Amino acid sequence: MTDANLLRLKDISVRFGGLTALNGISLDLRRNASLGLLGPNGAGKTTLFNVIAGAVRPSTGRVTFDGRDVTGDATSARSRAGVARTFQITQPFISLTVRENVMVALTAAGMAMRQAHGAAAEYVDFVGLRAKIDDAASGLSTGQRKRLELARALATRPKLLLLDEVTGGVDRPSIPGLVETIRALHAERGLTMVVVEHHMDFLGALVDEALFLDQGEQLVSGSLAQVAADARVRDIYLGDAHV
């Protein structure tokens, strides 16, 4: 029987020397669910992302993905298993075109170069970059680079998509279209998502549930409305004007 939870974290702690970045984090993430990670700077959100992606191995605890213990698996193995991520600071191959950037992801996932040339267009179309498909990535705006990051992540055909500050640095008029593209990913492709996003208005359009971290501790979890209404969250992070 298929486990209803795609991702499970059990008692995850991460220590860097004398610094505890995460302390005893546990969560069960259902298939096709979308989770928002909230917390102030330094709360441990990026470290938790890196644990899920395989870039950081936990000091204690266990990571289970798609029914298998992947705690010791590196990033490349997690990617092959179906974990993809975007980065807060985009990292395109700036000398390559938009299509070629996506082709890199497709061939890394095992697709032949001849097939990748045509297949890349599907992902470029989906993220709304068709008009830029043969332009160099160096000429893209921040918002367009965020869309390219999405296309490259999708090209690995993930089961779990980790989105790190996807609206960060994007001009405000472009954000609704970007958010709508991500909503379509979740609705049409059934992707499970974990999202770090500071814009609460947009996060509310993207996630079903939320987990609030503070100083590496799991403070509160539940629906986004429940988390946002928690007095501790208001005191630490949101402020009454945001609730």
Protein backbone atom coordinates (compact mmCIF):
# COMPACT_ATOMS: atom_id res chain seq x y z
CA MET A 1 0.00 0.00 0.00
CA THR A 2 1.27 3.48 -0.91
CA ASP A 3 2.02 5.68 2.09
CA ALA A 4 -0.36 8.64 2.21
CA ASN A 5 2.61 10.80 3.26
CA LEU A 6 5.18 11.59 0.58
CA LEU A 7 7.62 13.13 3.06
CA ARG A 8 8.25 12.36 6.72
CA LEU A 9 10.72 14.06 9.02
CA LYS A 10 11.26 12.49 12.42
CA ASP A 11 13.10 14.35 15.21
CA ILE A 12 15.41 16.23 12.83
CA SER A 13 18.23 18.14 14.50
CA VAL A 14 21.15 19.86 12.79
CA ARG A 15 24.20 21.13 14.63
CA PHE A 16 27.09 23.08 13.17
CA GLY A 17 29.76 22.90 15.84
CA GLY A 18 28.22 24.50 18.91
CA LEU A 19 25.30 26.02 16.97
CA THR A 20 21.97 24.19 16.86
CA ALA A 21 20.26 25.19 13.59
CA LEU A 22 17.33 22.77 13.98
CA ASN A 23 16.14 20.99 17.09
CA GLY A 24 13.72 18.05 16.99
CA ILE A 25 11.68 18.93 13.88
CA SER A 26 9.01 16.39 12.87
CA LEU A 27 6.38 16.62 10.13
CA ASP A 28 4.28 14.43 7.88
CA LEU A 29 3.54 15.89 4.45
CA ARG A 30 0.70 14.28 2.53
CA ARG A 31 0.94 13.62 -1.19
CA ASN A 32 -0.35 16.60 -3.21
CA ALA A 33 -0.27 18.84 -0.12
CA SER A 34 1.37 22.28 -0.04
CA LEU A 35 3.21 23.46 3.06
CA GLY A 36 4.46 26.95 3.86
CA LEU A 37 7.58 27.34 6.02
CA LEU A 38 7.47 30.52 8.09
CA GLY A 39 9.79 32.16 10.54
CA PRO A 40 12.12 35.13 11.02
CA ASN A 41 15.60 35.27 9.54
CA GLY A 42 17.78 32.63 11.14
CA ALA A 43 14.83 30.47 12.16
CA GLY A 44 16.15 27.42 10.31
CA LYS A 45 13.98 27.47 7.17
CA THR A 46 16.85 27.19 4.68
CA THR A 47 18.55 24.51 6.78
CA LEU A 48 15.32 22.50 6.77
CA PHE A 49 15.10 22.92 2.98
CA ASN A 50 18.65 21.65 2.69
CA VAL A 51 17.88 18.63 4.86
CA ILE A 52 14.91 17.73 2.66
CA ALA A 53 16.93 18.26 -0.53
CA GLY A 54 19.89 16.26 0.77
CA ALA A 55 22.38 19.15 0.86
CA VAL A 56 22.66 18.88 4.66
CA ARG A 57 22.66 15.60 6.57
CA PRO A 58 20.89 15.84 9.93
CA SER A 59 22.88 15.33 13.10
CA THR A 60 20.00 13.25 14.45
CA GLY A 61 16.67 12.09 13.09
CA ARG A 62 15.36 10.44 9.94
CA VAL A 63 14.08 11.60 6.53
CA THR A 64 11.65 9.31 4.71
CA PHE A 65 10.66 10.10 1.12
CA ASP A 66 8.13 8.14 -0.90
CA GLY A 67 8.25 5.30 1.62
CA ARG A 68 12.05 4.99 1.71
CA ASP A 69 14.62 6.13 4.26
CA VAL A 70 16.75 8.70 2.40
CA THR A 71 18.53 10.22 5.41
CA GLY A 72 21.96 9.36 4.06
CA ASP A 73 21.22 10.10 0.39
CA ALA A 74 22.99 13.00 -1.32
CA THR A 75 21.31 15.72 -3.38
CA SER A 76 21.79 13.85 -6.66
CA ALA A 77 20.07 10.75 -5.28
CA ARG A 78 17.19 12.84 -3.88
CA SER A 79 16.79 14.47 -7.29
CA ARG A 80 16.57 11.09 -9.00
CA ALA A 81 14.01 10.01 -6.39
CA GLY A 82 11.83 13.03 -7.22
CA VAL A 83 12.91 16.03 -5.11
CA ALA A 84 13.51 19.35 -6.92
CA ARG A 85 14.16 22.83 -5.61
CA THR A 86 14.49 26.43 -6.66
CA PHE A 87 16.83 28.91 -5.02
CA GLN A 88 16.25 32.34 -3.52
CA ILE A 89 19.14 33.64 -5.64
CA THR A 90 18.63 32.22 -9.13
CA GLN A 91 21.47 30.24 -10.67
CA PRO A 92 20.90 29.96 -14.43
CA PHE A 93 23.66 29.18 -16.91
CA ILE A 94 23.79 32.77 -18.13
CA SER A 95 25.69 32.02 -21.36
CA LEU A 96 23.03 29.49 -22.44
CA THR A 97 19.61 30.21 -23.87
CA VAL A 98 16.39 29.62 -21.94
CA ARG A 99 15.80 26.43 -23.94
CA GLU A 100 19.35 25.21 -23.35
CA ASN A 101 19.06 25.80 -19.61
CA VAL A 102 16.02 23.52 -19.50
CA MET A 103 17.75 21.00 -21.76
CA VAL A 104 20.54 20.70 -19.20
CA ALA A 105 17.99 19.62 -16.59
CA LEU A 106 16.30 17.21 -19.01
CA THR A 107 19.54 15.50 -20.05
CA ALA A 108 20.68 15.31 -16.42
CA ALA A 109 17.44 13.43 -15.75
CA GLY A 110 18.34 10.93 -18.48
CA MET A 111 16.67 12.28 -21.63
CA ALA A 112 18.55 12.09 -24.93
CA MET A 113 19.72 15.41 -26.36
CA ARG A 114 17.58 15.04 -29.50
CA GLN A 115 14.42 14.60 -27.43
CA ALA A 116 15.41 17.30 -24.95
CA HIS A 117 15.48 20.02 -27.60
CA GLY A 118 11.77 19.62 -28.30
CA ALA A 119 10.71 18.66 -24.77
CA ALA A 120 12.26 21.81 -23.30
CA ALA A 121 9.68 23.93 -25.11
CA GLU A 122 6.85 22.36 -23.09
CA TYR A 123 8.37 23.49 -19.81
CA VAL A 124 9.30 26.91 -21.18
CA ASP A 125 5.72 27.36 -22.41
CA PHE A 126 4.25 26.33 -19.09
CA VAL A 127 6.16 28.99 -17.15
CA GLY A 128 5.30 31.69 -19.70
CA LEU A 129 8.72 32.20 -21.31
CA ARG A 130 7.96 31.10 -24.87
CA ALA A 131 8.88 34.52 -26.28
CA LYS A 132 12.31 34.22 -24.62
CA ILE A 133 13.03 30.59 -25.48
CA ASP A 134 16.05 31.33 -27.68
CA ASP A 135 17.29 34.34 -25.70
CA ALA A 136 20.35 34.12 -23.45
CA ALA A 137 19.50 33.76 -19.77
CA SER A 138 21.81 36.70 -19.05
CA GLY A 139 19.18 39.06 -20.49
CA LEU A 140 16.26 37.88 -18.33
CA SER A 141 14.69 40.00 -15.63
CA THR A 142 14.58 38.69 -12.05
CA GLY A 143 10.99 37.54 -12.51
CA GLN A 144 11.86 35.76 -15.75
CA ARG A 145 14.81 34.06 -14.08
CA LYS A 146 12.46 32.83 -11.34
CA ARG A 147 10.26 31.32 -14.06
CA LEU A 148 13.28 29.70 -15.67
CA GLU A 149 14.19 28.19 -12.29
CA LEU A 150 10.70 26.69 -12.17
CA ALA A 151 11.03 25.28 -15.68
CA ARG A 152 14.37 23.66 -14.85
CA ALA A 153 13.01 22.17 -11.64
CA LEU A 154 9.94 20.81 -13.46
CA ALA A 155 12.13 19.26 -16.14
CA THR A 156 13.44 16.78 -13.57
CA ARG A 157 9.82 15.53 -13.20
CA PRO A 158 9.69 15.88 -9.43
CA LYS A 159 7.19 14.50 -6.95
CA LEU A 160 8.17 17.16 -4.39
CA LEU A 161 8.99 20.76 -5.32
CA LEU A 162 10.81 23.02 -2.85
CA LEU A 163 10.29 26.72 -3.59
CA ASP A 164 12.63 29.14 -1.83
CA GLU A 165 11.47 32.80 -1.85
CA VAL A 166 10.01 32.46 -5.33
CA THR A 167 8.73 36.07 -5.35
CA GLY A 168 11.92 37.53 -3.85
CA GLY A 169 13.31 40.34 -6.00
CA VAL A 170 10.43 40.13 -8.46
CA ASP A 171 8.71 43.41 -9.40
CA ARG A 172 5.31 43.53 -7.73
CA PRO A 173 3.20 43.67 -10.94
CA SER A 174 4.79 40.38 -12.07
CA ILE A 175 4.14 38.49 -8.83
CA PRO A 176 0.45 37.53 -9.37
CA GLY A 177 1.27 35.85 -12.69
CA LEU A 178 4.14 33.95 -11.11
CA VAL A 179 1.93 32.85 -8.22
CA GLU A 180 -0.77 31.74 -10.65
CA THR A 181 1.77 29.60 -12.51
CA ILE A 182 2.73 27.90 -9.24
CA ARG A 183 -0.94 27.37 -8.34
CA ALA A 184 -1.38 25.63 -11.70
CA LEU A 185 1.57 23.36 -10.93
CA HIS A 186 -0.11 22.23 -7.76
CA ALA A 187 -3.60 21.90 -9.22
CA GLU A 188 -2.88 20.49 -12.67
CA ARG A 189 0.22 18.39 -12.04
CA GLY A 190 -0.51 17.23 -8.52
CA LEU A 191 2.86 18.30 -7.19
CA THR A 192 3.54 18.23 -3.48
CA MET A 193 5.16 21.54 -2.50
CA VAL A 194 7.09 23.11 0.34
CA VAL A 195 7.26 26.90 0.06
CA VAL A 196 9.34 29.52 1.86
CA GLU A 197 7.73 32.90 1.20
CA HIS A 198 7.58 36.12 3.22
CA HIS A 199 4.69 37.72 1.30
CA MET A 200 1.75 36.46 3.35
CA ASP A 201 -0.83 37.54 0.78
CA PHE A 202 0.78 35.36 -1.86
CA LEU A 203 1.59 32.51 0.49
CA GLY A 204 -2.11 32.27 1.27
CA ALA A 205 -2.74 31.57 -2.42
CA LEU A 206 -0.14 28.81 -2.53
CA VAL A 207 -0.34 26.61 0.56
CA ASP A 208 -2.85 24.51 2.50
CA GLU A 209 -0.91 24.35 5.74
CA ALA A 210 2.04 25.99 7.47
CA LEU A 211 4.87 25.32 9.90
CA PHE A 212 6.39 28.17 11.91
CA LEU A 213 10.00 27.90 13.04
CA ASP A 214 11.79 30.08 15.55
CA GLN A 215 15.45 29.67 16.50
CA GLY A 216 15.43 26.16 15.07
CA GLU A 217 12.40 25.10 17.05
CA GLN A 218 9.02 23.98 15.70
CA LEU A 219 6.74 26.56 17.30
CA VAL A 220 3.31 25.96 15.75
CA SER A 221 1.77 24.14 12.77
CA GLY A 222 -1.67 23.86 11.19
CA SER A 223 -3.60 25.74 8.55
CA LEU A 224 -2.07 29.05 7.47
CA ALA A 225 -4.91 30.90 9.18
CA GLN A 226 -4.31 29.04 12.44
CA VAL A 227 -0.59 29.73 12.34
CA ALA A 228 -1.05 33.41 11.46
CA ALA A 229 -3.55 33.83 14.31
CA ASP A 230 -1.24 32.32 16.94
CA ALA A 231 -0.22 34.96 19.47
CA ARG A 232 3.38 33.73 19.53
CA VAL A 233 3.63 34.09 15.75
CA ARG A 234 2.21 37.60 15.87
CA ASP A 235 4.66 38.61 18.55
CA ILE A 236 7.70 37.16 16.78
CA TYR A 237 7.01 37.70 13.14
CA LEU A 238 3.78 39.04 11.73
CA GLY A 239 2.61 41.97 13.79
CA ASP A 240 -1.06 42.72 14.21
CA ALA A 241 -1.27 44.54 10.86
CA HIS A 242 -0.64 41.28 9.00
CA VAL A 243 -3.20 39.14 10.79
